PDB file of N, CA and C in Angstrom:
ATOM      1  N   MET A   1       0.841  -1.174   0.000  1.00  0.00           N
ATOM      2  CA  MET A   1       0.000   0.000   0.000  1.00  0.00           C
ATOM      3  C   MET A   1       0.891   1.244   0.000  1.00  0.00           C
ATOM      4  N   VAL A   2       0.634   2.169  -0.874  1.00  0.00           N
ATOM      5  CA  VAL A   2       1.404   3.401  -0.961  1.00  0.00           C
ATOM      6  C   VAL A   2       0.643   4.508  -0.242  1.00  0.00           C
ATOM      7  N   VAL A   3       1.265   5.077   0.789  1.00  0.00           N
ATOM      8  CA  VAL A   3       0.637   6.152   1.542  1.00  0.00           C
ATOM      9  C   VAL A   3       1.003   7.501   0.930  1.00  0.00           C
ATOM     10  N   SER A   4       2.248   7.640   0.536  1.00  0.00           N
ATOM     11  CA  SER A   4       2.730   8.874  -0.050  1.00  0.00           C
ATOM     12  C   SER A   4       3.761   8.526  -1.109  1.00  0.00           C
ATOM     13  N   LYS A   5       3.841   9.331  -2.142  1.00  0.00           N
ATOM     14  CA  LYS A   5       4.806   9.084  -3.208  1.00  0.00           C
ATOM     15  C   LYS A   5       5.616  10.349  -3.449  1.00  0.00           C
ATOM     16  N   VAL A   6       6.932  10.213  -3.423  1.00  0.00           N
ATOM     17  CA  VAL A   6       7.822  11.323  -3.739  1.00  0.00           C
ATOM     18  C   VAL A   6       8.803  10.846  -4.792  1.00  0.00           C
ATOM     19  N   GLU A   7       9.256  11.749  -5.621  1.00  0.00           N
ATOM     20  CA  GLU A   7      10.195  11.400  -6.676  1.00  0.00           C
ATOM     21  C   GLU A   7      11.431  12.275  -6.578  1.00  0.00           C
ATOM     22  N   ARG A   8      12.562  11.718  -6.953  1.00  0.00           N
ATOM     23  CA  ARG A   8      13.830  12.437  -6.992  1.00  0.00           C
ATOM     24  C   ARG A   8      14.589  11.989  -8.227  1.00  0.00           C
ATOM     25  N   LYS A   9      15.402  12.880  -8.774  1.00  0.00           N
ATOM     26  CA  LYS A   9      16.277  12.539  -9.888  1.00  0.00           C
ATOM     27  C   LYS A   9      17.644  12.155  -9.351  1.00  0.00           C
ATOM     28  N   VAL A  10      18.312  11.235 -10.054  1.00  0.00           N
ATOM     29  CA  VAL A  10      19.685  10.882  -9.729  1.00  0.00           C
ATOM     30  C   VAL A  10      20.566  12.021 -10.242  1.00  0.00           C
ATOM     31  N   THR A  11      21.433  12.531  -9.371  1.00  0.00           N
ATOM     32  CA  THR A  11      22.293  13.654  -9.735  1.00  0.00           C
ATOM     33  C   THR A  11      23.757  13.300  -9.513  1.00  0.00           C
ATOM     34  N   LYS A  12      24.623  14.033 -10.154  1.00  0.00           N
ATOM     35  CA  LYS A  12      26.058  13.832  -9.985  1.00  0.00           C
ATOM     36  C   LYS A  12      26.519  14.576  -8.738  1.00  0.00           C
ATOM     37  N   ILE A  13      27.230  13.858  -7.874  1.00  0.00           N
ATOM     38  CA  ILE A  13      27.775  14.433  -6.652  1.00  0.00           C
ATOM     39  C   ILE A  13      29.271  14.097  -6.655  1.00  0.00           C
ATOM     40  N   GLY A  14      30.103  15.045  -7.034  1.00  0.00           N
ATOM     41  CA  GLY A  14      31.534  14.767  -7.200  1.00  0.00           C
ATOM     42  C   GLY A  14      31.724  13.781  -8.340  1.00  0.00           C
ATOM     43  N   ASN A  15      32.413  12.670  -8.062  1.00  0.00           N
ATOM     44  CA  ASN A  15      32.612  11.615  -9.057  1.00  0.00           C
ATOM     45  C   ASN A  15      31.575  10.512  -8.940  1.00  0.00           C
ATOM     46  N   SER A  16      30.570  10.695  -8.101  1.00  0.00           N
ATOM     47  CA  SER A  16      29.559   9.675  -7.846  1.00  0.00           C
ATOM     48  C   SER A  16      28.180  10.147  -8.301  1.00  0.00           C
ATOM     49  N   LEU A  17      27.228   9.244  -8.236  1.00  0.00           N
ATOM     50  CA  LEU A  17      25.825   9.573  -8.463  1.00  0.00           C
ATOM     51  C   LEU A  17      25.087   9.415  -7.144  1.00  0.00           C
ATOM     52  N   GLY A  18      24.057  10.224  -6.926  1.00  0.00           N
ATOM     53  CA  GLY A  18      23.327  10.128  -5.669  1.00  0.00           C
ATOM     54  C   GLY A  18      21.950  10.737  -5.768  1.00  0.00           C
ATOM     55  N   ILE A  19      21.190  10.564  -4.703  1.00  0.00           N
ATOM     56  CA  ILE A  19      19.878  11.181  -4.562  1.00  0.00           C
ATOM     57  C   ILE A  19      19.802  11.834  -3.193  1.00  0.00           C
ATOM     58  N   THR A  20      18.946  12.828  -3.077  1.00  0.00           N
ATOM     59  CA  THR A  20      18.672  13.408  -1.769  1.00  0.00           C
ATOM     60  C   THR A  20      17.381  12.789  -1.258  1.00  0.00           C
ATOM     61  N   LEU A  21      17.242  12.722   0.046  1.00  0.00           N
ATOM     62  CA  LEU A  21      16.014  12.202   0.649  1.00  0.00           C
ATOM     63  C   LEU A  21      15.186  13.371   1.157  1.00  0.00           C
ATOM     64  N   PRO A  22      13.922  13.426   0.761  1.00  0.00           N
ATOM     65  CA  PRO A  22      13.059  14.522   1.209  1.00  0.00           C
ATOM     66  C   PRO A  22      12.852  14.486   2.724  1.00  0.00           C
ATOM     67  N   THR A  23      12.602  15.647   3.282  1.00  0.00           N
ATOM     68  CA  THR A  23      12.362  15.763   4.719  1.00  0.00           C
ATOM     69  C   THR A  23      11.249  14.840   5.181  1.00  0.00           C
ATOM     70  N   GLU A  24      10.181  14.717   4.393  1.00  0.00           N
ATOM     71  CA  GLU A  24       9.063  13.858   4.814  1.00  0.00           C
ATOM     72  C   GLU A  24       9.486  12.394   4.920  1.00  0.00           C
ATOM     73  N   VAL A  25      10.413  11.946   4.073  1.00  0.00           N
ATOM     74  CA  VAL A  25      10.916  10.568   4.158  1.00  0.00           C
ATOM     75  C   VAL A  25      11.782  10.413   5.401  1.00  0.00           C
ATOM     76  N   LEU A  26      12.681  11.365   5.641  1.00  0.00           N
ATOM     77  CA  LEU A  26      13.534  11.308   6.829  1.00  0.00           C
ATOM     78  C   LEU A  26      12.704  11.357   8.112  1.00  0.00           C
ATOM     79  N   ASN A  27      11.670  12.187   8.129  1.00  0.00           N
ATOM     80  CA  ASN A  27      10.785  12.250   9.297  1.00  0.00           C
ATOM     81  C   ASN A  27      10.078  10.919   9.507  1.00  0.00           C
ATOM     82  N   TYR A  28       9.604  10.309   8.418  1.00  0.00           N
ATOM     83  CA  TYR A  28       8.909   9.020   8.514  1.00  0.00           C
ATOM     84  C   TYR A  28       9.835   7.940   9.071  1.00  0.00           C
ATOM     85  N   LEU A  29      11.103   7.963   8.639  1.00  0.00           N
ATOM     86  CA  LEU A  29      12.086   6.990   9.133  1.00  0.00           C
ATOM     87  C   LEU A  29      12.623   7.366  10.516  1.00  0.00           C
ATOM     88  N   GLN A  30      12.297   8.554  10.980  1.00  0.00           N
ATOM     89  CA  GLN A  30      12.851   9.121  12.209  1.00  0.00           C
ATOM     90  C   GLN A  30      14.376   9.124  12.128  1.00  0.00           C
ATOM     91  N   ALA A  31      14.885   9.541  10.957  1.00  0.00           N
ATOM     92  CA  ALA A  31      16.325   9.571  10.702  1.00  0.00           C
ATOM     93  C   ALA A  31      16.817  11.008  10.700  1.00  0.00           C
ATOM     94  N   ASP A  32      18.043  11.177  11.133  1.00  0.00           N
ATOM     95  CA  ASP A  32      18.655  12.499  11.184  1.00  0.00           C
ATOM     96  C   ASP A  32      20.084  12.392  10.671  1.00  0.00           C
ATOM     97  N   GLN A  33      20.724  13.514  10.521  1.00  0.00           N
ATOM     98  CA  GLN A  33      22.103  13.535  10.038  1.00  0.00           C
ATOM     99  C   GLN A  33      22.972  12.637  10.899  1.00  0.00           C
ATOM    100  N   GLY A  34      23.760  11.784  10.256  1.00  0.00           N
ATOM    101  CA  GLY A  34      24.657  10.880  10.977  1.00  0.00           C
ATOM    102  C   GLY A  34      24.064   9.501  11.225  1.00  0.00           C
ATOM    103  N   ASP A  35      22.741   9.350  11.100  1.00  0.00           N
ATOM    104  CA  ASP A  35      22.119   8.036  11.274  1.00  0.00           C
ATOM    105  C   ASP A  35      22.474   7.131  10.089  1.00  0.00           C
ATOM    106  N   GLU A  36      22.508   5.826  10.337  1.00  0.00           N
ATOM    107  CA  GLU A  36      22.784   4.869   9.281  1.00  0.00           C
ATOM    108  C   GLU A  36      21.481   4.268   8.776  1.00  0.00           C
ATOM    109  N   LEU A  37      21.405   4.069   7.462  1.00  0.00           N
ATOM    110  CA  LEU A  37      20.234   3.478   6.829  1.00  0.00           C
ATOM    111  C   LEU A  37      20.634   2.175   6.153  1.00  0.00           C
ATOM    112  N   THR A  38      19.708   1.220   6.116  1.00  0.00           N
ATOM    113  CA  THR A  38      19.908  -0.057   5.444  1.00  0.00           C
ATOM    114  C   THR A  38      19.044  -0.088   4.203  1.00  0.00           C
ATOM    115  N   PHE A  39      19.628  -0.519   3.084  1.00  0.00           N
ATOM    116  CA  PHE A  39      18.911  -0.649   1.826  1.00  0.00           C
ATOM    117  C   PHE A  39      18.769  -2.130   1.519  1.00  0.00           C
ATOM    118  N   LYS A  40      17.539  -2.582   1.288  1.00  0.00           N
ATOM    119  CA  LYS A  40      17.283  -3.988   0.954  1.00  0.00           C
ATOM    120  C   LYS A  40      16.774  -4.061  -0.478  1.00  0.00           C
ATOM    121  N   LEU A  41      17.524  -4.776  -1.335  1.00  0.00           N
ATOM    122  CA  LEU A  41      17.143  -4.927  -2.732  1.00  0.00           C
ATOM    123  C   LEU A  41      16.163  -6.091  -2.856  1.00  0.00           C
ATOM    124  N   GLU A  42      14.987  -5.810  -3.379  1.00  0.00           N
ATOM    125  CA  GLU A  42      13.935  -6.821  -3.509  1.00  0.00           C
ATOM    126  C   GLU A  42      13.995  -7.473  -4.892  1.00  0.00           C
ATOM    127  N   ASN A  43      13.500  -8.703  -5.009  1.00  0.00           N
ATOM    128  CA  ASN A  43      13.495  -9.425  -6.284  1.00  0.00           C
ATOM    129  C   ASN A  43      12.604  -8.773  -7.327  1.00  0.00           C
ATOM    130  N   ASN A  44      11.642  -7.969  -6.907  1.00  0.00           N
ATOM    131  CA  ASN A  44      10.707  -7.345  -7.854  1.00  0.00           C
ATOM    132  C   ASN A  44      11.228  -6.009  -8.397  1.00  0.00           C
ATOM    133  N   GLY A  45      12.489  -5.677  -8.129  1.00  0.00           N
ATOM    134  CA  GLY A  45      13.077  -4.451  -8.641  1.00  0.00           C
ATOM    135  C   GLY A  45      12.923  -3.251  -7.735  1.00  0.00           C
ATOM    136  N   SER A  46      12.334  -3.424  -6.566  1.00  0.00           N
ATOM    137  CA  SER A  46      12.172  -2.302  -5.638  1.00  0.00           C
ATOM    138  C   SER A  46      13.258  -2.354  -4.558  1.00  0.00           C
ATOM    139  N   VAL A  47      13.383  -1.247  -3.857  1.00  0.00           N
ATOM    140  CA  VAL A  47      14.356  -1.122  -2.779  1.00  0.00           C
ATOM    141  C   VAL A  47      13.625  -0.618  -1.545  1.00  0.00           C
ATOM    142  N   SER A  48      13.847  -1.256  -0.401  1.00  0.00           N
ATOM    143  CA  SER A  48      13.281  -0.738   0.837  1.00  0.00           C
ATOM    144  C   SER A  48      14.407  -0.138   1.676  1.00  0.00           C
ATOM    145  N   ILE A  49      14.067   0.933   2.393  1.00  0.00           N
ATOM    146  CA  ILE A  49      15.036   1.650   3.211  1.00  0.00           C
ATOM    147  C   ILE A  49      14.545   1.638   4.659  1.00  0.00           C
ATOM    148  N   LYS A  50      15.436   1.280   5.571  1.00  0.00           N
ATOM    149  CA  LYS A  50      15.109   1.297   6.993  1.00  0.00           C
ATOM    150  C   LYS A  50      16.239   1.950   7.751  1.00  0.00           C
ATOM    151  N   LYS A  51      15.905   2.575   8.861  1.00  0.00           N
ATOM    152  CA  LYS A  51      16.906   3.137   9.758  1.00  0.00           C
ATOM    153  C   LYS A  51      17.514   1.985  10.546  1.00  0.00           C
ATOM    154  N   CYS A  52      18.843   1.964  10.651  1.00  0.00           N
ATOM    155  CA  CYS A  52      19.521   0.924  11.433  1.00  0.00           C
ATOM    156  C   CYS A  52      19.205   1.127  12.909  1.00  0.00           C
ATOM    157  N   LYS A  53      18.990   0.019  13.588  1.00  0.00           N
ATOM    158  CA  LYS A  53      18.759   0.093  15.035  1.00  0.00           C
ATOM    159  C   LYS A  53      20.088   0.058  15.745  1.00  0.00           C
ATOM    160  N   ILE A  54      20.218   0.923  16.749  1.00  0.00           N
ATOM    161  CA  ILE A  54      21.478   0.991  17.518  1.00  0.00           C
ATOM    162  C   ILE A  54      21.360   0.176  18.775  1.00  0.00           C
TER     163      ILE A  54
END
């Protein structure tokens, strides 16, 4: 179920590619600067993001 949908473009950051995370996503994850996030690659082509538990 999709509650909210946000989109971002992949941009060049130095010699790398990256995306920024919108404030609403960071608030939903309860993540702040310096927190670690885990990315899980799903078989259906999607990626889930979770805040690492300390």
